[in-house]
N, C-alpha and C. Protein backbone atom coordinates (compact mmCIF):
# COMPACT_ATOMS: atom_id res chain seq x y z
N MET A 1 71.97 66.52 112.97
CA MET A 1 72.15 65.38 113.94
C MET A 1 73.77 65.16 113.72
N ALA A 2 74.51 64.89 114.48
CA ALA A 2 75.88 64.70 114.47
C ALA A 2 76.17 63.17 114.44
N LYS A 3 75.30 62.23 114.89
CA LYS A 3 75.59 60.74 114.73
C LYS A 3 74.34 60.03 113.79
N ALA A 4 74.71 59.16 113.56
CA ALA A 4 73.86 58.37 112.45
C ALA A 4 73.84 56.80 112.89
N GLU A 5 72.78 56.24 112.69
CA GLU A 5 72.91 54.77 113.36
C GLU A 5 73.31 53.73 111.91
N GLN A 6 73.96 52.79 112.09
CA GLN A 6 74.64 51.76 110.95
C GLN A 6 74.05 50.63 111.40
N SER A 7 73.75 49.76 110.46
CA SER A 7 73.15 48.42 110.58
C SER A 7 73.74 47.69 109.37
N ASP A 8 74.70 46.63 109.68
CA ASP A 8 75.08 45.82 108.83
C ASP A 8 75.06 44.34 109.50
N GLY A 9 74.03 43.80 109.08
CA GLY A 9 73.83 42.35 109.79
C GLY A 9 73.36 42.09 111.05
N SER A 10 74.52 41.53 111.83
CA SER A 10 74.14 41.34 113.23
C SER A 10 74.30 42.62 114.12
N GLN A 11 75.10 43.31 113.46
CA GLN A 11 75.73 44.63 114.31
C GLN A 11 75.26 45.72 114.25
N THR A 12 74.66 46.42 115.20
CA THR A 12 74.04 47.74 115.14
C THR A 12 74.97 48.78 115.89
N GLY A 13 75.35 49.78 115.53
CA GLY A 13 76.26 50.55 116.04
C GLY A 13 76.17 51.97 115.73
N ILE A 14 76.93 52.99 116.54
CA ILE A 14 76.69 54.37 115.93
C ILE A 14 77.78 54.87 115.53
N VAL A 15 77.86 55.68 114.49
CA VAL A 15 79.05 56.18 113.95
C VAL A 15 78.92 57.64 113.83
N SER A 16 80.09 57.95 114.40
CA SER A 16 80.00 59.77 114.48
C SER A 16 80.71 60.29 113.29
N ARG A 17 79.98 61.53 112.81
CA ARG A 17 80.63 61.83 111.50
C ARG A 17 80.80 63.55 111.84
N LYS A 18 82.23 63.79 111.57
CA LYS A 18 82.86 64.81 112.01
C LYS A 18 83.14 65.81 110.66
N ARG A 19 82.89 67.00 110.82
CA ARG A 19 83.30 68.04 109.87
C ARG A 19 84.80 68.31 109.85
N GLN A 20 85.39 68.51 108.65
CA GLN A 20 86.75 68.80 108.73
C GLN A 20 86.71 70.45 109.18
N VAL A 21 87.99 70.70 110.21
CA VAL A 21 88.27 71.88 110.38
C VAL A 21 88.92 72.78 109.67
N TRP A 22 88.72 74.01 109.45
CA TRP A 22 89.23 74.63 108.47
C TRP A 22 90.17 75.75 109.34
N ARG A 23 91.72 75.56 109.15
CA ARG A 23 92.61 76.28 110.14
C ARG A 23 93.07 77.12 109.18
N LEU A 24 93.44 78.67 109.65
CA LEU A 24 94.24 79.79 108.82
C LEU A 24 95.53 79.31 109.33
N LYS A 25 96.27 79.15 108.39
CA LYS A 25 97.77 78.94 108.70
C LYS A 25 98.62 80.15 108.39
N SER A 26 99.37 80.78 109.19
CA SER A 26 100.31 82.05 108.96
C SER A 26 101.25 81.59 108.11
N ASN A 27 101.20 82.29 106.62
CA ASN A 27 102.23 82.08 105.70
C ASN A 27 102.99 83.33 105.30
N PRO A 28 104.22 83.41 105.40
CA PRO A 28 104.84 84.78 105.53
C PRO A 28 105.01 84.92 103.78
N SER A 29 104.74 84.17 103.13
CA SER A 29 104.83 84.30 101.55
C SER A 29 103.63 84.98 101.26
N ARG A 30 102.53 85.19 101.70
CA ARG A 30 101.54 85.47 101.44
C ARG A 30 101.38 87.14 101.17
N TYR A 31 102.58 87.82 102.06
CA TYR A 31 102.63 89.05 101.94
C TYR A 31 103.24 89.80 100.57
N VAL A 32 102.91 90.83 100.20
CA VAL A 32 103.42 91.53 98.90
C VAL A 32 104.51 92.51 99.17
N THR A 33 105.52 92.60 98.25
CA THR A 33 106.47 93.63 98.37
C THR A 33 105.89 94.97 97.42
N CYS A 34 106.06 96.22 98.25
CA CYS A 34 105.59 97.55 97.51
C CYS A 34 106.60 97.71 96.44
N GLN A 35 106.25 98.00 95.22
CA GLN A 35 106.98 98.39 94.20
C GLN A 35 107.54 99.60 93.83
N ASN A 36 107.24 100.68 94.86
CA ASN A 36 107.85 101.85 94.82
C ASN A 36 109.50 101.61 94.95
N PRO A 37 110.51 102.23 94.05
CA PRO A 37 111.83 101.99 94.15
C PRO A 37 112.27 102.39 95.45
N THR A 38 111.78 103.42 95.87
CA THR A 38 112.36 104.20 97.09
C THR A 38 111.93 103.42 98.61
N CYS A 39 110.95 102.78 98.49
CA CYS A 39 110.44 101.94 99.57
C CYS A 39 111.25 100.62 99.63
N LYS A 40 111.47 100.22 101.04
CA LYS A 40 111.76 99.06 101.13
C LYS A 40 110.96 98.10 101.77
N ASN A 41 109.88 98.33 101.71
CA ASN A 41 108.71 97.42 102.66
C ASN A 41 108.50 96.42 101.98
N ASP A 42 108.60 95.00 102.29
CA ASP A 42 108.58 93.78 101.70
C ASP A 42 107.23 93.10 102.37
N HIS A 43 106.50 93.56 103.22
CA HIS A 43 105.62 92.94 103.95
C HIS A 43 104.30 93.54 104.00
N VAL A 44 103.70 93.93 102.88
CA VAL A 44 102.38 94.73 102.60
C VAL A 44 101.30 93.49 102.72
N ASP A 45 100.41 93.81 103.80
CA ASP A 45 99.44 92.94 103.93
C ASP A 45 98.42 92.82 102.85
N PRO A 46 98.01 91.35 102.59
CA PRO A 46 97.24 91.05 101.27
C PRO A 46 95.78 91.81 101.44
N LYS A 47 95.12 92.19 102.62
CA LYS A 47 94.03 93.01 102.66
C LYS A 47 94.22 94.22 102.16
N PHE A 48 95.13 94.98 102.45
CA PHE A 48 95.62 96.19 101.81
C PHE A 48 95.73 96.22 100.28
N VAL A 49 96.42 95.12 99.77
CA VAL A 49 96.64 95.02 98.34
C VAL A 49 95.29 94.90 97.67
N ARG A 50 94.24 94.09 98.18
CA ARG A 50 93.09 94.03 97.93
C ARG A 50 92.19 95.28 97.61
N MET A 51 92.19 95.98 98.57
CA MET A 51 91.75 97.31 98.67
C MET A 51 92.14 98.40 97.77
N PHE A 52 93.48 98.43 98.06
CA PHE A 52 94.21 99.56 97.37
C PHE A 52 94.90 99.46 95.98
N GLY A 53 95.53 98.10 95.77
CA GLY A 53 96.48 97.78 94.55
C GLY A 53 95.59 97.46 93.47
N ALA A 54 96.17 96.80 92.37
CA ALA A 54 95.79 96.84 91.34
C ALA A 54 96.26 95.08 90.83
N GLU A 55 95.27 94.17 90.70
CA GLU A 55 95.84 92.91 90.52
C GLU A 55 97.11 92.43 91.20
N GLY A 56 96.81 92.34 92.59
CA GLY A 56 97.75 92.06 93.25
C GLY A 56 99.07 92.57 93.59
N VAL A 57 99.21 93.86 92.93
CA VAL A 57 100.49 94.47 93.06
C VAL A 57 100.17 95.90 93.56
N VAL A 58 101.10 96.36 94.41
CA VAL A 58 101.06 97.83 94.91
C VAL A 58 102.28 98.66 94.64
N PHE A 59 102.03 100.02 94.20
CA PHE A 59 102.90 100.81 93.82
C PHE A 59 103.34 101.67 94.84
N ALA A 60 102.41 101.81 96.00
CA ALA A 60 102.83 102.74 97.11
C ALA A 60 102.19 101.83 98.25
N CYS A 61 102.73 102.12 99.66
CA CYS A 61 102.26 101.76 100.66
C CYS A 61 102.20 102.39 101.85
N PRO A 62 101.40 102.32 103.01
CA PRO A 62 101.38 103.56 104.12
C PRO A 62 102.78 103.83 104.64
N GLU A 63 104.00 103.12 104.34
CA GLU A 63 105.14 103.46 104.72
C GLU A 63 105.91 104.27 103.99
N CYS A 64 105.32 104.59 102.70
CA CYS A 64 106.39 105.45 101.71
C CYS A 64 105.52 106.44 101.22
N THR A 65 104.18 106.33 101.51
CA THR A 65 103.20 107.51 100.83
C THR A 65 102.09 107.90 101.56
N PRO A 66 101.82 109.11 101.87
CA PRO A 66 101.05 109.58 102.87
C PRO A 66 99.40 109.11 102.47
N TRP A 67 98.51 108.92 103.21
CA TRP A 67 97.24 108.18 103.37
C TRP A 67 96.43 108.91 102.26
N GLY A 68 96.47 110.19 102.20
CA GLY A 68 95.78 111.19 101.14
C GLY A 68 96.04 110.76 99.94
N ALA A 69 97.28 110.41 99.66
CA ALA A 69 97.66 110.02 98.21
C ALA A 69 96.90 108.63 97.86
N LEU A 70 97.10 107.76 99.00
CA LEU A 70 96.67 106.37 98.70
C LEU A 70 95.12 106.29 98.49
N LYS A 71 94.46 107.27 99.16
CA LYS A 71 92.96 107.31 98.97
C LYS A 71 92.78 107.84 97.39
N HIS A 72 93.47 108.54 96.96
CA HIS A 72 93.47 109.15 95.58
C HIS A 72 94.07 108.00 94.44
N GLY A 73 94.35 107.05 94.96
CA GLY A 73 94.69 105.97 93.88
C GLY A 73 96.45 105.64 93.61
N ALA A 74 97.28 106.17 94.48
CA ALA A 74 98.61 106.03 94.58
C ALA A 74 99.06 104.57 94.41
N ALA A 75 98.38 103.63 95.23
CA ALA A 75 98.92 102.26 95.22
C ALA A 75 98.68 101.22 94.07
N ALA A 76 97.67 101.85 93.14
CA ALA A 76 97.08 101.05 92.13
C ALA A 76 97.72 101.72 90.83
N SER A 77 98.44 102.91 90.68
CA SER A 77 99.20 103.38 89.94
C SER A 77 100.74 103.67 89.56
N PRO A 78 101.58 103.26 88.99
CA PRO A 78 103.14 103.31 88.94
C PRO A 78 103.17 104.79 88.62
N THR A 79 102.30 105.64 87.89
CA THR A 79 102.94 106.72 87.57
C THR A 79 102.18 107.93 88.63
N PHE A 80 101.37 107.42 89.69
CA PHE A 80 100.92 108.51 90.53
C PHE A 80 101.83 109.59 91.03
N GLU A 81 101.45 110.81 91.15
CA GLU A 81 102.25 111.76 91.87
C GLU A 81 102.02 111.36 93.21
N ARG A 82 103.21 111.35 94.07
CA ARG A 82 102.74 110.76 95.50
C ARG A 82 102.81 112.27 96.41
N ARG A 83 102.79 113.45 95.90
CA ARG A 83 102.64 114.25 96.86
C ARG A 83 101.29 114.98 96.90
N VAL A 84 100.94 115.20 98.09
CA VAL A 84 99.30 115.68 98.32
C VAL A 84 99.26 117.19 98.77
N SER A 85 98.57 117.69 98.08
CA SER A 85 98.27 119.21 98.46
C SER A 85 97.25 119.38 99.45
N LEU A 86 97.31 120.02 100.60
CA LEU A 86 96.45 120.33 101.52
C LEU A 86 95.81 121.52 101.39
């Protein structure tokens, strides 16, 4: 029920209760910088960091490293060999 009855003495009224609305705010500071020294990407998505990085840090990103190397842990390890053998 979204509305509740309120009674105080002689007045009877209806008070509406609303829930606070959660809004996602776009914040550019939430992006992470790739720690690879040869990469200039400073807008790595936090979802990528959670999936491939280690404790909020990424050492490789899709712009500087092939996906095959990322699947094998290149983003989480600073000493990972970034070449992929096919």
